[in-house]
Every structure is written in structure tokens, then in C-alpha cells.
Amino acid sequence: MANERITTWGQAVDYCFRTRHSWRHGNGAKTAAINCGHFTRLRGRSYPLARINQACIQQVCIELEEEGKADSTINRIVSAVSTVLNHLAFDEIIDAAPRFRRRKEVEHRMTYFSKEQVEALATAAREVFDRHDLAEVILFAAYTGTRMGELLTIKAADIDLTAGLIHIGGRSGFTTKAGNYRAIPIHERIRQLLVNRMESVGPNVRLFGDEWNDKDQLFRAFKKVRDHLGFDETYVFHTLRHSFATWCIEAGVNIRVIQNVLGHKRIETTLRYAKVSTEASKTILTV
């Protein structure tokens, strides 16, 4: 194995999953695949190992932060990259593994928008920046709690107006391989928005994705609206998902129901939203 030539990130990950015992047989294999997958998504499988250094990791951390990832999540992703490189170094595939700085994990205030603030964001997108598409994306994200990546892949066929449901990750009875299907009730605030969009596209056409080249383009557009209204940099696109969860908590929705709608694997993730101050109930209308 020491003579195996590995020069790219994708080759390195494949090697680890073939030869690292805990990743072949342990319970951490799935988590390792997810965390390595984030680096793959941002840099690609063909990214040269020689270019994975502290400067590279620092930039990746910034990009993950802009997506709304917590410092603890970012650290786990960095640790996965470090594990891959350390494994290769131990097996003498590479000379040495670089060391990466981790972020100090502190409990940050979880930001969220009130419904009035979401409406202000949508209005500014339409009237100040002439971006009706952005306004609709903001409203959809806030009233469904969908992640940016999910939002950009939803097709007209995934919307069931009769049942009042938005299908994420497939359809009931026809789930994806990952088994991550869930259904989100359609809020009245976005029903007409969905009706209009479905009338203008075919069933297999993405509702929003064709208007945006990638997530970075969408985030940059959102950032302009956010900055215009004076929100600080802790308010990212992912804050719209936080907002939806917070509204549900304050409305008294059962925590297990919220977990299911948000698609959280662990209830602990959902319980973070229960820490939001009950003062929010004075300003946020019930769901």
C-alpha cells in the first residue's frame, strides 16, 4: 500500500474508506462520509493533496460559515480532512500531514428573523433591487425551513397543492436512496406564490434553481438585501431556516413534529431552537 500513488483528495478519501478500520466497520463511517463530503463539494474530488494546507482550510471554513454552518460543525469537517491526511501520512502515502487550526467553539446567540422582518426582506428585494425571484425565494425559505440546497432542487412535481404538502427528498413511497424524504405543509403565505410558479413551469422543472447558477450567487444576492436593511453578518441565508424553527417553537408545535419537518436526524439539533428567548412570542405571530 505504501507504493500506491495518491495525489488527489478523491483518491485519498477512497483510500481511507478502503483501509481505515473505523471507517470500514465503525459507526462513524456515515459521519465521516458526510464531513468529507463537504470538502469534496467545495473543492472537488480532483483537488490536489499538495494544495490542502492551512490557507486552503481557512478559506473552506469561511465558505462553510457563509452557508450558516456552526463553528462546531466546521471543526468536525476540518477534523475529517485532517484524519484523511494523517492516515495517508501514517501509511507513508504522503511525507507528512499538515496541521490545521480549529475554531474556538462558543455558544453564539442564535439569530432569527421575525415575520415582519422577513416581509421587509422580501419587499426590499422586490422594490429596491427589482428581484422578484429573490423575494419569493426568501419567503419560501422562511415559511418552509428548507435548506438552500434543497430549495434549489425542488421541482414543480414535488408540490402537492391538493394535499397541501411540499415533498423533500422524493415522494411518499418513492424515497431517495438516502432515505431522507419528508413532507412540509404549505403555509398560506406562500400558497399563491407556488400556484403562480407551477403554472409557468413544467412538472420536472426546478421551481427556483434555474434562476440561480449556484448557492454562492443566491447568497450574494441575499447579502445585498440583508446589508441594505442593516442586519449584521450573523444573519445569513440559513437564518431563514432558523426563523421557521423558532416560529414553530414559539407557536407550541411539538418538538418531534418540528424535527421531522426540518429533517433533523437528532432531536438535540432541534432542541437548540427551544433555547430561544420566550420574548420572541411577543413579536412573532403563531404559525
C-alpha atoms as a PDB file:
ATOM      1  CA  MET A   1       0.000   0.000   0.000  1.00  0.00           C
ATOM      2  CA  ALA A   2       2.906   2.315   0.659  1.00  0.00           C
ATOM      3  CA  ASN A   3       3.658   2.346  -3.052  1.00  0.00           C
ATOM      4  CA  GLU A   4       0.122   3.371  -4.022  1.00  0.00           C
ATOM      5  CA  ARG A   5       0.134   6.693  -5.842  1.00  0.00           C
ATOM      6  CA  ILE A   6      -2.461   9.070  -4.424  1.00  0.00           C
ATOM      7  CA  THR A   7      -2.374  12.715  -5.454  1.00  0.00           C
ATOM      8  CA  THR A   8      -5.952  13.982  -5.259  1.00  0.00           C
ATOM      9  CA  TRP A   9      -8.486  14.465  -2.484  1.00  0.00           C
ATOM     10  CA  GLY A  10     -10.920  11.980  -4.014  1.00  0.00           C
ATOM     11  CA  GLN A  11      -8.272   9.257  -4.213  1.00  0.00           C
ATOM     12  CA  ALA A  12      -7.289   9.960  -0.608  1.00  0.00           C
ATOM     13  CA  VAL A  13     -10.857   9.648   0.678  1.00  0.00           C
ATOM     14  CA  ASP A  14     -11.393   6.414  -1.258  1.00  0.00           C
ATOM     15  CA  TYR A  15      -8.188   5.013   0.206  1.00  0.00           C
ATOM     16  CA  CYS A  16      -9.269   5.858   3.750  1.00  0.00           C
ATOM     17  CA  PHE A  17     -12.630   4.153   3.349  1.00  0.00           C
ATOM     18  CA  ARG A  18     -10.854   1.074   1.962  1.00  0.00           C
ATOM     19  CA  THR A  19      -8.144   0.831   4.606  1.00  0.00           C
ATOM     20  CA  ARG A  20      -9.062   2.734   7.785  1.00  0.00           C
ATOM     21  CA  HIS A  21     -10.675   0.170  10.095  1.00  0.00           C
ATOM     22  CA  SER A  22     -13.083   2.507  11.910  1.00  0.00           C
ATOM     23  CA  TRP A  23     -14.313   3.882   8.597  1.00  0.00           C
ATOM     24  CA  ARG A  24     -14.843   0.427   7.152  1.00  0.00           C
ATOM     25  CA  HIS A  25     -16.588  -1.138  10.113  1.00  0.00           C
ATOM     26  CA  GLY A  26     -17.239   1.525  12.734  1.00  0.00           C
ATOM     27  CA  ASN A  27     -20.342   3.544  13.462  1.00  0.00           C
ATOM     28  CA  GLY A  28     -18.511   6.700  12.431  1.00  0.00           C
ATOM     29  CA  ALA A  29     -18.364   5.787   8.744  1.00  0.00           C
ATOM     30  CA  LYS A  30     -21.538   7.657   7.847  1.00  0.00           C
ATOM     31  CA  THR A  31     -20.486  10.791   9.733  1.00  0.00           C
ATOM     32  CA  ALA A  32     -17.018  10.646   8.163  1.00  0.00           C
ATOM     33  CA  ALA A  33     -18.578  10.431   4.696  1.00  0.00           C
ATOM     34  CA  ILE A  34     -20.788  13.453   5.399  1.00  0.00           C
ATOM     35  CA  ASN A  35     -17.936  15.575   6.752  1.00  0.00           C
ATOM     36  CA  CYS A  36     -15.526  14.612   3.971  1.00  0.00           C
ATOM     37  CA  GLY A  37     -18.352  15.271   1.540  1.00  0.00           C
ATOM     38  CA  HIS A  38     -18.469  18.944   2.497  1.00  0.00           C
ATOM     39  CA  PHE A  39     -14.835  19.412   1.469  1.00  0.00           C
ATOM     40  CA  THR A  40     -15.486  17.443  -1.729  1.00  0.00           C
ATOM     41  CA  ARG A  41     -18.487  19.632  -2.525  1.00  0.00           C
ATOM     42  CA  LEU A  42     -16.479  22.837  -2.121  1.00  0.00           C
ATOM     43  CA  ARG A  43     -13.192  21.758  -3.739  1.00  0.00           C
ATOM     44  CA  GLY A  44     -13.963  18.662  -5.825  1.00  0.00           C
ATOM     45  CA  ARG A  45     -12.521  15.164  -5.889  1.00  0.00           C
ATOM     46  CA  SER A  46      -9.714  16.208  -8.234  1.00  0.00           C
ATOM     47  CA  TYR A  47      -8.351  18.823  -5.812  1.00  0.00           C
ATOM     48  CA  PRO A  48      -4.577  18.176  -5.381  1.00  0.00           C
ATOM     49  CA  LEU A  49      -3.474  16.956  -1.961  1.00  0.00           C
ATOM     50  CA  ALA A  50      -0.437  19.230  -2.205  1.00  0.00           C
ATOM     51  CA  ARG A  51      -2.734  22.261  -2.104  1.00  0.00           C
ATOM     52  CA  ILE A  52      -4.528  21.252   1.094  1.00  0.00           C
ATOM     53  CA  ASN A  53      -2.804  23.497   3.627  1.00  0.00           C
ATOM     54  CA  GLN A  54      -3.842  25.935   6.353  1.00  0.00           C
ATOM     55  CA  ALA A  55      -4.643  28.683   3.810  1.00  0.00           C
ATOM     56  CA  CYS A  56      -6.895  26.306   1.883  1.00  0.00           C
ATOM     57  CA  ILE A  57      -8.656  25.101   5.037  1.00  0.00           C
ATOM     58  CA  GLN A  58      -9.137  28.658   6.276  1.00  0.00           C
ATOM     59  CA  GLN A  59     -10.925  29.622   3.060  1.00  0.00           C
ATOM     60  CA  VAL A  60     -13.078  26.493   3.202  1.00  0.00           C
ATOM     61  CA  CYS A  61     -14.029  27.400   6.785  1.00  0.00           C
ATOM     62  CA  ILE A  62     -15.107  30.865   5.645  1.00  0.00           C
ATOM     63  CA  GLU A  63     -17.278  29.389   2.888  1.00  0.00           C
ATOM     64  CA  LEU A  64     -18.872  26.962   5.342  1.00  0.00           C
ATOM     65  CA  GLU A  65     -19.531  29.825   7.745  1.00  0.00           C
ATOM     66  CA  GLU A  66     -21.248  31.812   4.992  1.00  0.00           C
ATOM     67  CA  GLU A  67     -23.509  28.819   4.418  1.00  0.00           C
ATOM     68  CA  GLY A  68     -24.605  29.058   8.030  1.00  0.00           C
ATOM     69  CA  LYS A  69     -22.519  26.202   9.458  1.00  0.00           C
ATOM     70  CA  ALA A  70     -21.751  26.443  13.189  1.00  0.00           C
ATOM     71  CA  ASP A  71     -18.152  26.514  14.413  1.00  0.00           C
ATOM     72  CA  SER A  72     -18.605  23.045  15.912  1.00  0.00           C
ATOM     73  CA  THR A  73     -19.736  21.674  12.529  1.00  0.00           C
ATOM     74  CA  ILE A  74     -16.856  23.399  10.742  1.00  0.00           C
ATOM     75  CA  ASN A  75     -14.400  21.876  13.216  1.00  0.00           C
ATOM     76  CA  ARG A  76     -15.769  18.400  12.547  1.00  0.00           C
ATOM     77  CA  ILE A  77     -15.276  18.909   8.810  1.00  0.00           C
ATOM     78  CA  VAL A  78     -11.702  20.116   9.349  1.00  0.00           C
ATOM     79  CA  SER A  79     -11.074  17.100  11.597  1.00  0.00           C
ATOM     80  CA  ALA A  80     -12.280  14.761   8.855  1.00  0.00           C
ATOM     81  CA  VAL A  81      -9.843  16.310   6.368  1.00  0.00           C
ATOM     82  CA  SER A  82      -7.073  16.051   8.948  1.00  0.00           C
ATOM     83  CA  THR A  83      -7.916  12.395   9.612  1.00  0.00           C
ATOM     84  CA  VAL A  84      -7.630  11.568   5.910  1.00  0.00           C
ATOM     85  CA  LEU A  85      -4.224  13.227   5.608  1.00  0.00           C
ATOM     86  CA  ASN A  86      -2.919  11.745   8.872  1.00  0.00           C
ATOM     87  CA  HIS A  87      -3.972   8.279   7.727  1.00  0.00           C
ATOM     88  CA  LEU A  88      -2.073   8.726   4.474  1.00  0.00           C
ATOM     89  CA  ALA A  89       0.986  10.002   6.310  1.00  0.00           C
ATOM     90  CA  PHE A  90       0.926   7.047   8.726  1.00  0.00           C
ATOM     91  CA  ASP A  91       0.776   4.640   5.769  1.00  0.00           C
ATOM     92  CA  GLU A  92       3.630   6.568   4.118  1.00  0.00           C
ATOM     93  CA  ILE A  93       1.498   7.567   1.136  1.00  0.00           C
ATOM     94  CA  ILE A  94       2.465  11.201   1.753  1.00  0.00           C
ATOM     95  CA  ASP A  95       5.506  12.522   3.593  1.00  0.00           C
ATOM     96  CA  ALA A  96       3.657  14.401   6.318  1.00  0.00           C
ATOM     97  CA  ALA A  97       0.208  15.729   7.176  1.00  0.00           C
ATOM     98  CA  PRO A  98      -0.230  19.480   7.696  1.00  0.00           C
ATOM     99  CA  ARG A  99      -1.738  20.737  10.939  1.00  0.00           C
ATOM    100  CA  PHE A 100      -4.865  22.876  10.877  1.00  0.00           C
ATOM    101  CA  ARG A 101      -6.196  25.393  13.376  1.00  0.00           C
ATOM    102  CA  ARG A 102      -9.594  24.690  14.862  1.00  0.00           C
ATOM    103  CA  ARG A 103     -12.175  27.325  15.703  1.00  0.00           C
ATOM    104  CA  LYS A 104     -12.949  28.204  19.285  1.00  0.00           C
ATOM    105  CA  GLU A 105     -16.409  26.834  19.944  1.00  0.00           C
ATOM    106  CA  VAL A 106     -18.558  29.183  21.934  1.00  0.00           C
ATOM    107  CA  GLU A 107     -22.313  29.228  22.255  1.00  0.00           C
ATOM    108  CA  HIS A 108     -23.429  32.016  19.972  1.00  0.00           C
ATOM    109  CA  ARG A 109     -26.758  33.734  20.094  1.00  0.00           C
ATOM    110  CA  MET A 110     -28.903  32.007  17.506  1.00  0.00           C
ATOM    111  CA  THR A 111     -30.200  34.688  15.176  1.00  0.00           C
ATOM    112  CA  TYR A 112     -33.626  34.601  13.562  1.00  0.00           C
ATOM    113  CA  PHE A 113     -35.974  36.956  11.732  1.00  0.00           C
ATOM    114  CA  SER A 114     -39.447  37.866  12.850  1.00  0.00           C
ATOM    115  CA  LYS A 115     -42.200  37.515  10.263  1.00  0.00           C
ATOM    116  CA  GLU A 116     -42.267  41.283   9.884  1.00  0.00           C
ATOM    117  CA  GLN A 117     -38.531  41.261   9.148  1.00  0.00           C
ATOM    118  CA  VAL A 118     -38.941  38.534   6.546  1.00  0.00           C
ATOM    119  CA  GLU A 119     -41.601  40.630   4.849  1.00  0.00           C
ATOM    120  CA  ALA A 120     -39.209  43.604   4.924  1.00  0.00           C
ATOM    121  CA  LEU A 121     -36.504  41.479   3.269  1.00  0.00           C
ATOM    122  CA  ALA A 122     -38.896  40.364   0.543  1.00  0.00           C
ATOM    123  CA  THR A 123     -40.146  43.913  -0.034  1.00  0.00           C
ATOM    124  CA  ALA A 124     -36.608  45.273  -0.316  1.00  0.00           C
ATOM    125  CA  ALA A 125     -35.680  42.513  -2.767  1.00  0.00           C
ATOM    126  CA  ARG A 126     -38.634  43.475  -4.984  1.00  0.00           C
ATOM    127  CA  GLU A 127     -38.728  47.254  -4.676  1.00  0.00           C
ATOM    128  CA  VAL A 128     -35.104  48.237  -4.095  1.00  0.00           C
ATOM    129  CA  PHE A 129     -33.248  45.576  -6.074  1.00  0.00           C
ATOM    130  CA  ASP A 130     -36.020  44.661  -8.566  1.00  0.00           C
ATOM    131  CA  ARG A 131     -35.559  40.969  -7.761  1.00  0.00           C
ATOM    132  CA  HIS A 132     -38.989  39.376  -7.547  1.00  0.00           C
ATOM    133  CA  ASP A 133     -37.355  35.956  -7.790  1.00  0.00           C
ATOM    134  CA  LEU A 134     -35.224  36.667  -4.725  1.00  0.00           C
ATOM    135  CA  ALA A 135     -38.248  37.916  -2.795  1.00  0.00           C
ATOM    136  CA  GLU A 136     -40.068  34.652  -3.488  1.00  0.00           C
ATOM    137  CA  VAL A 137     -37.047  32.545  -2.520  1.00  0.00           C
ATOM    138  CA  ILE A 138     -36.789  34.427   0.790  1.00  0.00           C
ATOM    139  CA  LEU A 139     -40.458  33.855   1.568  1.00  0.00           C
ATOM    140  CA  PHE A 140     -40.297  30.200   0.560  1.00  0.00           C
ATOM    141  CA  ALA A 141     -37.215  29.533   2.705  1.00  0.00           C
ATOM    142  CA  ALA A 142     -38.708  31.296   5.727  1.00  0.00           C
ATOM    143  CA  TYR A 143     -42.082  29.529   5.573  1.00  0.00           C
ATOM    144  CA  THR A 144     -40.754  26.021   4.843  1.00  0.00           C
ATOM    145  CA  GLY A 145     -37.441  25.878   6.705  1.00  0.00           C
ATOM    146  CA  THR A 146     -35.793  24.245   3.699  1.00  0.00           C
ATOM    147  CA  ARG A 147     -32.025  24.386   3.311  1.00  0.00           C
ATOM    148  CA  MET A 148     -30.628  26.384   0.415  1.00  0.00           C
ATOM    149  CA  GLY A 149     -29.505  23.254  -1.433  1.00  0.00           C
ATOM    150  CA  GLU A 150     -32.951  21.660  -1.050  1.00  0.00           C
ATOM    151  CA  LEU A 151     -34.733  24.804  -2.145  1.00  0.00           C
ATOM    152  CA  LEU A 152     -32.753  24.994  -5.397  1.00  0.00           C
ATOM    153  CA  THR A 153     -33.602  21.412  -6.383  1.00  0.00           C
ATOM    154  CA  ILE A 154     -37.358  21.367  -5.677  1.00  0.00           C
ATOM    155  CA  LYS A 155     -39.411  20.693  -8.819  1.00  0.00           C
ATOM    156  CA  ALA A 156     -42.995  21.537  -9.606  1.00  0.00           C
ATOM    157  CA  ALA A 157     -43.845  17.829  -9.313  1.00  0.00           C
ATOM    158  CA  ASP A 158     -42.738  17.939  -5.677  1.00  0.00           C
ATOM    159  CA  ILE A 159     -45.563  20.359  -4.819  1.00  0.00           C
ATOM    160  CA  ASP A 160     -48.951  18.839  -3.995  1.00  0.00           C
ATOM    161  CA  LEU A 161     -51.397  21.735  -3.716  1.00  0.00           C
ATOM    162  CA  THR A 162     -54.362  19.426  -3.112  1.00  0.00           C
ATOM    163  CA  ALA A 163     -52.764  17.723  -0.120  1.00  0.00           C
ATOM    164  CA  GLY A 164     -51.074  20.965   0.888  1.00  0.00           C
ATOM    165  CA  LEU A 165     -47.611  19.405   1.022  1.00  0.00           C
ATOM    166  CA  ILE A 166     -44.115  20.064  -0.311  1.00  0.00           C
ATOM    167  CA  HIS A 167     -42.177  16.831  -0.798  1.00  0.00           C
ATOM    168  CA  ILE A 168     -38.469  16.963   0.004  1.00  0.00           C
ATOM    169  CA  GLY A 169     -36.110  14.125  -0.989  1.00  0.00           C
ATOM    170  CA  GLY A 170     -38.569  12.250  -3.199  1.00  0.00           C
ATOM    171  CA  ARG A 171     -42.231  11.437  -2.772  1.00  0.00           C
ATOM    172  CA  SER A 172     -44.043   9.350  -0.189  1.00  0.00           C
ATOM    173  CA  GLY A 173     -43.436   5.722  -1.154  1.00  0.00           C
ATOM    174  CA  PHE A 174     -40.699   6.691  -3.628  1.00  0.00           C
ATOM    175  CA  THR A 175     -37.937   7.869  -1.329  1.00  0.00           C
ATOM    176  CA  THR A 176     -34.355   8.606  -2.254  1.00  0.00           C
ATOM    177  CA  LYS A 177     -31.526   6.178  -1.544  1.00  0.00           C
ATOM    178  CA  ALA A 178     -30.518   8.261   1.472  1.00  0.00           C
ATOM    179  CA  GLY A 179     -33.988   7.773   2.931  1.00  0.00           C
ATOM    180  CA  ASN A 180     -34.294  11.468   3.712  1.00  0.00           C
ATOM    181  CA  TYR A 181     -37.847  12.003   2.491  1.00  0.00           C
ATOM    182  CA  ARG A 182     -40.044  14.403   4.423  1.00  0.00           C
ATOM    183  CA  ALA A 183     -43.157  16.454   3.731  1.00  0.00           C
ATOM    184  CA  ILE A 184     -43.618  20.103   4.702  1.00  0.00           C
ATOM    185  CA  PRO A 185     -47.110  21.630   4.993  1.00  0.00           C
ATOM    186  CA  ILE A 186     -47.754  24.553   2.647  1.00  0.00           C
ATOM    187  CA  HIS A 187     -48.214  27.777   4.612  1.00  0.00           C
ATOM    188  CA  GLU A 188     -50.916  30.079   3.277  1.00  0.00           C
ATOM    189  CA  ARG A 189     -48.385  32.893   2.936  1.00  0.00           C
ATOM    190  CA  ILE A 190     -46.643  31.058   0.062  1.00  0.00           C
ATOM    191  CA  ARG A 191     -49.541  29.127  -1.491  1.00  0.00           C
ATOM    192  CA  GLN A 192     -50.303  31.674  -4.230  1.00  0.00           C
ATOM    193  CA  LEU A 193     -46.598  32.054  -4.906  1.00  0.00           C
ATOM    194  CA  LEU A 194     -46.415  28.309  -5.574  1.00  0.00           C
ATOM    195  CA  VAL A 195     -49.574  28.333  -7.701  1.00  0.00           C
ATOM    196  CA  ASN A 196     -48.128  31.057  -9.924  1.00  0.00           C
ATOM    197  CA  ARG A 197     -44.811  29.317 -10.343  1.00  0.00           C
ATOM    198  CA  MET A 198     -46.341  25.931 -11.090  1.00  0.00           C
ATOM    199  CA  GLU A 199     -48.473  27.466 -13.827  1.00  0.00           C
ATOM    200  CA  SER A 200     -45.362  28.790 -15.570  1.00  0.00           C
ATOM    201  CA  VAL A 201     -43.105  25.705 -15.474  1.00  0.00           C
ATOM    202  CA  GLY A 202     -43.334  22.029 -16.360  1.00  0.00           C
ATOM    203  CA  PRO A 203     -43.549  19.320 -13.668  1.00  0.00           C
ATOM    204  CA  ASN A 204     -39.869  18.370 -13.988  1.00  0.00           C
ATOM    205  CA  VAL A 205     -38.573  21.937 -13.947  1.00  0.00           C
ATOM    206  CA  ARG A 206     -36.996  23.327 -10.783  1.00  0.00           C
ATOM    207  CA  LEU A 207     -39.160  25.980  -9.152  1.00  0.00           C
ATOM    208  CA  PHE A 208     -36.230  28.235  -8.279  1.00  0.00           C
ATOM    209  CA  GLY A 209     -32.999  26.557  -9.326  1.00  0.00           C
ATOM    210  CA  ASP A 210     -32.948  27.697 -12.950  1.00  0.00           C
ATOM    211  CA  GLU A 211     -32.810  31.351 -11.814  1.00  0.00           C
ATOM    212  CA  TRP A 212     -29.592  30.838  -9.861  1.00  0.00           C
ATOM    213  CA  ASN A 213     -26.309  29.387 -11.115  1.00  0.00           C
ATOM    214  CA  ASP A 214     -25.332  28.152  -7.658  1.00  0.00           C
ATOM    215  CA  LYS A 215     -25.751  28.708  -3.923  1.00  0.00           C
ATOM    216  CA  ASP A 216     -22.999  31.324  -3.848  1.00  0.00           C
ATOM    217  CA  GLN A 217     -24.894  33.519  -6.322  1.00  0.00           C
ATOM    218  CA  LEU A 218     -28.061  33.267  -4.241  1.00  0.00           C
ATOM    219  CA  PHE A 219     -26.210  34.079  -1.022  1.00  0.00           C
ATOM    220  CA  ARG A 220     -24.566  37.147  -2.585  1.00  0.00           C
ATOM    221  CA  ALA A 221     -27.954  38.451  -3.701  1.00  0.00           C
ATOM    222  CA  PHE A 222     -29.448  37.820  -0.248  1.00  0.00           C
ATOM    223  CA  LYS A 223     -26.476  39.528   1.390  1.00  0.00           C
ATOM    224  CA  LYS A 224     -27.142  42.755  -0.526  1.00  0.00           C
ATOM    225  CA  VAL A 225     -30.715  42.871   0.767  1.00  0.00           C
ATOM    226  CA  ARG A 226     -29.617  41.995   4.294  1.00  0.00           C
ATOM    227  CA  ASP A 227     -26.973  44.720   4.323  1.00  0.00           C
ATOM    228  CA  HIS A 228     -29.429  47.256   2.881  1.00  0.00           C
ATOM    229  CA  LEU A 229     -31.756  46.666   5.833  1.00  0.00           C
ATOM    230  CA  GLY A 230     -28.928  46.905   8.361  1.00  0.00           C
ATOM    231  CA  PHE A 231     -28.756  43.329   9.623  1.00  0.00           C
ATOM    232  CA  ASP A 232     -25.267  42.285  10.717  1.00  0.00           C
ATOM    233  CA  GLU A 233     -23.211  39.460   9.230  1.00  0.00           C
ATOM    234  CA  THR A 234     -24.533  36.888  11.706  1.00  0.00           C
ATOM    235  CA  TYR A 235     -27.748  36.935   9.669  1.00  0.00           C
ATOM    236  CA  VAL A 236     -27.068  34.562   6.769  1.00  0.00           C
ATOM    237  CA  PHE A 237     -29.449  32.843   4.356  1.00  0.00           C
ATOM    238  CA  HIS A 238     -29.587  29.866   6.732  1.00  0.00           C
ATOM    239  CA  THR A 239     -31.102  32.244   9.315  1.00  0.00           C
ATOM    240  CA  LEU A 240     -34.368  31.912   7.392  1.00  0.00           C
ATOM    241  CA  ARG A 241     -34.394  28.225   8.369  1.00  0.00           C
ATOM    242  CA  HIS A 242     -33.649  29.195  11.983  1.00  0.00           C
ATOM    243  CA  SER A 243     -36.564  31.616  11.796  1.00  0.00           C
ATOM    244  CA  PHE A 244     -39.026  28.956  10.674  1.00  0.00           C
ATOM    245  CA  ALA A 245     -37.930  26.656  13.507  1.00  0.00           C
ATOM    246  CA  THR A 246     -38.175  29.470  16.053  1.00  0.00           C
ATOM    247  CA  TRP A 247     -41.675  30.398  14.898  1.00  0.00           C
ATOM    248  CA  CYS A 248     -42.749  26.770  15.298  1.00  0.00           C
ATOM    249  CA  ILE A 249     -41.255  26.549  18.803  1.00  0.00           C
ATOM    250  CA  GLU A 250     -42.952  29.772  19.889  1.00  0.00           C
ATOM    251  CA  ALA A 251     -46.262  28.567  18.442  1.00  0.00           C
ATOM    252  CA  GLY A 252     -46.089  25.460  20.628  1.00  0.00           C
ATOM    253  CA  VAL A 253     -45.594  22.913  17.846  1.00  0.00           C
ATOM    254  CA  ASN A 254     -44.485  19.539  19.191  1.00  0.00           C
ATOM    255  CA  ILE A 255     -40.680  19.253  19.100  1.00  0.00           C
ATOM    256  CA  ARG A 256     -40.814  15.873  17.327  1.00  0.00           C
ATOM    257  CA  VAL A 257     -43.016  17.352  14.614  1.00  0.00           C
ATOM    258  CA  ILE A 258     -40.511  20.183  14.134  1.00  0.00           C
ATOM    259  CA  GLN A 259     -37.665  17.662  13.978  1.00  0.00           C
ATOM    260  CA  ASN A 260     -39.460  15.742  11.242  1.00  0.00           C
ATOM    261  CA  VAL A 261     -40.368  18.821   9.190  1.00  0.00           C
ATOM    262  CA  LEU A 262     -36.821  20.202   9.395  1.00  0.00           C
ATOM    263  CA  GLY A 263     -35.286  16.828   8.549  1.00  0.00           C
ATOM    264  CA  HIS A 264     -33.038  16.677  11.616  1.00  0.00           C
ATOM    265  CA  LYS A 265     -31.560  13.249  12.333  1.00  0.00           C
ATOM    266  CA  ARG A 266     -31.003  14.035  16.005  1.00  0.00           C
ATOM    267  CA  ILE A 267     -33.519  15.594  18.381  1.00  0.00           C
ATOM    268  CA  GLU A 268     -30.655  17.503  20.058  1.00  0.00           C
ATOM    269  CA  THR A 269     -30.270  19.575  16.910  1.00  0.00           C
ATOM    270  CA  THR A 270     -33.907  20.632  17.057  1.00  0.00           C
ATOM    271  CA  LEU A 271     -33.763  21.341  20.772  1.00  0.00           C
ATOM    272  CA  ARG A 272     -31.302  24.185  20.141  1.00  0.00           C
ATOM    273  CA  TYR A 273     -34.231  26.268  18.973  1.00  0.00           C
ATOM    274  CA  ALA A 274     -36.045  25.744  22.272  1.00  0.00           C
ATOM    275  CA  LYS A 275     -33.351  27.913  23.907  1.00  0.00           C
ATOM    276  CA  VAL A 276     -34.528  30.997  22.049  1.00  0.00           C
ATOM    277  CA  SER A 277     -35.895  33.616  24.436  1.00  0.00           C
ATOM    278  CA  THR A 278     -39.617  33.414  25.096  1.00  0.00           C
ATOM    279  CA  GLU A 279     -39.658  37.165  24.452  1.00  0.00           C
ATOM    280  CA  ALA A 280     -39.955  36.170  20.795  1.00  0.00           C
ATOM    281  CA  SER A 281     -43.553  35.129  21.424  1.00  0.00           C
ATOM    282  CA  LYS A 282     -44.471  38.768  21.943  1.00  0.00           C
ATOM    283  CA  THR A 283     -43.411  39.759  18.439  1.00  0.00           C
ATOM    284  CA  ILE A 284     -43.898  36.639  16.323  1.00  0.00           C
ATOM    285  CA  LEU A 285     -47.330  35.529  15.187  1.00  0.00           C
ATOM    286  CA  THR A 286     -48.258  31.895  15.601  1.00  0.00           C
ATOM    287  CA  VAL A 287     -47.660  29.522  12.741  1.00  0.00           C
END
